[in-house]
C-alpha atoms as a PDB file:
ATOM      1  CA  MET A   1      -8.503  25.583  16.054  1.00  0.00           C
ATOM      2  CA  LYS A   2     -12.068  24.259  15.783  1.00  0.00           C
ATOM      3  CA  SER A   3     -12.907  20.666  15.127  1.00  0.00           C
ATOM      4  CA  GLY A   4     -14.951  19.752  12.097  1.00  0.00           C
ATOM      5  CA  ALA A   5     -17.926  18.988  14.322  1.00  0.00           C
ATOM      6  CA  GLU A   6     -17.752  22.442  15.902  1.00  0.00           C
ATOM      7  CA  ALA A   7     -17.281  24.262  12.630  1.00  0.00           C
ATOM      8  CA  LEU A   8     -20.191  22.424  11.002  1.00  0.00           C
ATOM      9  CA  ALA A   9     -22.367  22.779  14.135  1.00  0.00           C
ATOM     10  CA  GLU A  10     -21.904  26.593  14.141  1.00  0.00           C
ATOM     11  CA  ASN A  11     -23.371  26.707  10.629  1.00  0.00           C
ATOM     12  CA  LEU A  12     -26.281  24.265  10.744  1.00  0.00           C
ATOM     13  CA  GLU A  13     -28.674  27.116   9.903  1.00  0.00           C
ATOM     14  CA  ARG A  14     -26.888  27.557   6.565  1.00  0.00           C
ATOM     15  CA  LEU A  15     -27.397  23.906   5.534  1.00  0.00           C
ATOM     16  CA  HIS A  16     -29.516  23.398   2.459  1.00  0.00           C
ATOM     17  CA  THR A  17     -29.760  21.089  -0.590  1.00  0.00           C
ATOM     18  CA  THR A  18     -31.232  20.971  -4.039  1.00  0.00           C
ATOM     19  CA  PRO A  19     -34.462  19.384  -5.099  1.00  0.00           C
ATOM     20  CA  LEU A  20     -32.535  16.541  -6.634  1.00  0.00           C
ATOM     21  CA  GLY A  21     -30.512  16.248  -3.389  1.00  0.00           C
ATOM     22  CA  ILE A  22     -33.824  15.917  -1.390  1.00  0.00           C
ATOM     23  CA  GLU A  23     -34.976  13.051  -3.633  1.00  0.00           C
ATOM     24  CA  ARG A  24     -31.565  11.368  -3.589  1.00  0.00           C
ATOM     25  CA  ILE A  25     -31.358  11.458   0.224  1.00  0.00           C
ATOM     26  CA  ARG A  26     -34.911  10.219   0.616  1.00  0.00           C
ATOM     27  CA  LYS A  27     -34.193   7.313  -1.679  1.00  0.00           C
ATOM     28  CA  ASN A  28     -30.871   6.443  -0.130  1.00  0.00           C
ATOM     29  CA  LEU A  29     -32.238   6.438   3.374  1.00  0.00           C
ATOM     30  CA  SER A  30     -35.788   5.355   2.660  1.00  0.00           C
ATOM     31  CA  LEU A  31     -37.290   8.408   4.290  1.00  0.00           C
ATOM     32  CA  LYS A  32     -40.986   9.254   4.082  1.00  0.00           C
ATOM     33  CA  LYS A  33     -41.971  11.867   1.474  1.00  0.00           C
ATOM     34  CA  GLU A  34     -43.128  14.254   4.178  1.00  0.00           C
ATOM     35  CA  THR A  35     -39.782  14.192   5.991  1.00  0.00           C
ATOM     36  CA  ASP A  36     -37.923  17.502   5.968  1.00  0.00           C
ATOM     37  CA  VAL A  37     -34.627  16.121   4.664  1.00  0.00           C
ATOM     38  CA  VAL A  38     -32.548  19.223   5.642  1.00  0.00           C
ATOM     39  CA  GLU A  39     -33.971  19.208   9.220  1.00  0.00           C
ATOM     40  CA  TRP A  40     -33.367  15.348   9.405  1.00  0.00           C
ATOM     41  CA  CYS A  41     -29.697  15.891   8.538  1.00  0.00           C
ATOM     42  CA  ARG A  42     -29.354  18.797  10.992  1.00  0.00           C
ATOM     43  CA  GLU A  43     -30.673  16.556  13.694  1.00  0.00           C
ATOM     44  CA  LYS A  44     -28.206  13.797  12.895  1.00  0.00           C
ATOM     45  CA  ILE A  45     -25.305  16.214  12.809  1.00  0.00           C
ATOM     46  CA  ARG A  46     -26.398  17.693  16.209  1.00  0.00           C
ATOM     47  CA  GLN A  47     -26.185  14.336  17.965  1.00  0.00           C
ATOM     48  CA  LYS A  48     -23.569  14.051  20.634  1.00  0.00           C
ATOM     49  CA  ASP A  49     -21.834  10.958  19.107  1.00  0.00           C
ATOM     50  CA  THR A  50     -21.679  12.276  15.516  1.00  0.00           C
ATOM     51  CA  THR A  51     -18.171  12.210  13.990  1.00  0.00           C
ATOM     52  CA  VAL A  52     -17.324  14.952  11.537  1.00  0.00           C
ATOM     53  CA  VAL A  53     -14.174  14.965   9.355  1.00  0.00           C
ATOM     54  CA  ARG A  54     -13.225  17.261   6.524  1.00  0.00           C
ATOM     55  CA  GLU A  55     -11.640  15.751   3.557  1.00  0.00           C
ATOM     56  CA  GLY A  56     -10.838  18.290   0.840  1.00  0.00           C
ATOM     57  CA  LYS A  57     -13.842  20.350  -0.071  1.00  0.00           C
ATOM     58  CA  ASN A  58     -16.412  18.257   1.933  1.00  0.00           C
ATOM     59  CA  TRP A  59     -17.354  17.474   5.469  1.00  0.00           C
ATOM     60  CA  TYR A  60     -18.460  13.918   6.182  1.00  0.00           C
ATOM     61  CA  ALA A  61     -20.735  13.567   9.157  1.00  0.00           C
ATOM     62  CA  VAL A  62     -21.260  10.031  10.502  1.00  0.00           C
ATOM     63  CA  ALA A  63     -24.213   9.460  12.905  1.00  0.00           C
ATOM     64  CA  ASP A  64     -26.233   6.425  13.625  1.00  0.00           C
ATOM     65  CA  ASP A  65     -24.256   4.702  10.876  1.00  0.00           C
ATOM     66  CA  CYS A  66     -25.408   7.244   8.269  1.00  0.00           C
ATOM     67  CA  GLU A  67     -22.933   9.347   6.405  1.00  0.00           C
ATOM     68  CA  ILE A  68     -24.018  12.832   5.352  1.00  0.00           C
ATOM     69  CA  THR A  69     -21.794  14.644   2.813  1.00  0.00           C
ATOM     70  CA  VAL A  70     -21.796  18.484   3.041  1.00  0.00           C
ATOM     71  CA  ASN A  71     -19.899  20.937   0.845  1.00  0.00           C
ATOM     72  CA  ALA A  72     -17.690  22.818   3.290  1.00  0.00           C
ATOM     73  CA  ARG A  73     -17.872  26.086   1.327  1.00  0.00           C
ATOM     74  CA  SER A  74     -21.524  26.289   0.385  1.00  0.00           C
ATOM     75  CA  PHE A  75     -23.037  24.203   3.162  1.00  0.00           C
ATOM     76  CA  THR A  76     -24.937  22.251   0.612  1.00  0.00           C
ATOM     77  CA  ILE A  77     -25.920  18.707   1.620  1.00  0.00           C
ATOM     78  CA  ILE A  78     -24.692  16.663  -1.292  1.00  0.00           C
ATOM     79  CA  THR A  79     -25.998  13.337  -0.226  1.00  0.00           C
ATOM     80  CA  ALA A  80     -26.635  11.073   2.680  1.00  0.00           C
ATOM     81  CA  HIS A  81     -26.601   7.287   2.771  1.00  0.00           C
ATOM     82  CA  SER A  82     -26.094   4.276   4.834  1.00  0.00           C
ATOM     83  CA  ALA A  83     -22.482   4.085   5.903  1.00  0.00           C
ATOM     84  CA  LYS A  84     -22.434   0.374   5.407  1.00  0.00           C
ATOM     85  CA  GLY A  85     -19.411  -0.525   3.460  1.00  0.00           C
ATOM     86  CA  ARG A  86     -18.154   3.060   3.401  1.00  0.00           C
ATOM     87  CA  ARG A  87     -16.402   4.074   6.573  1.00  0.00           C
ATOM     88  CA  ALA A  88     -14.677   1.271   8.529  1.00  0.00           C
ATOM     89  CA  GLY A  89     -16.604  -0.385  11.278  1.00  0.00           C
ATOM     90  CA  LEU A  90     -20.069   1.084  10.580  1.00  0.00           C
ATOM     91  CA  ARG A  91     -23.169  -0.990  10.367  1.00  0.00           C
ATOM     92  CA  ARG A  92     -26.393   0.116   8.796  1.00  0.00           C
ATOM     93  CA  CYS A  93     -28.198   3.511   8.804  1.00  0.00           C
ATOM     94  CA  ALA A  94     -30.613   3.820  11.736  1.00  0.00           C
ATOM     95  CA  GLY A  95     -33.477   6.246  11.641  1.00  0.00           C
ATOM     96  CA  GLY A  96     -34.984   5.607   8.241  1.00  0.00           C
ATOM     97  CA  GLU A  97     -38.596   6.383   8.391  1.00  0.00           C
ATOM     98  CA  GLY A  98     -40.247   4.103   6.107  1.00  0.00           C
END
């Protein structure tokens, strides 16, 4: 049986989000307007130390103290935000671009 990280990693090309999702993620992580949000999330998920768990209908990927929420069925990135105060022991989201 595959781990959450393996299952999600095998489907990174299917990741997408909505226009509202793009704006929400940019705002939550203070990313620059020209940042490709989907590619940014893919890169975070690809990192060696990323933790991925599936809870119900969603995957939660935690990398660099950011939490990315992905619908497990549609591969839609729902949101991404600093994991501060969310998952135990995590500090602040690193990698915000401005």
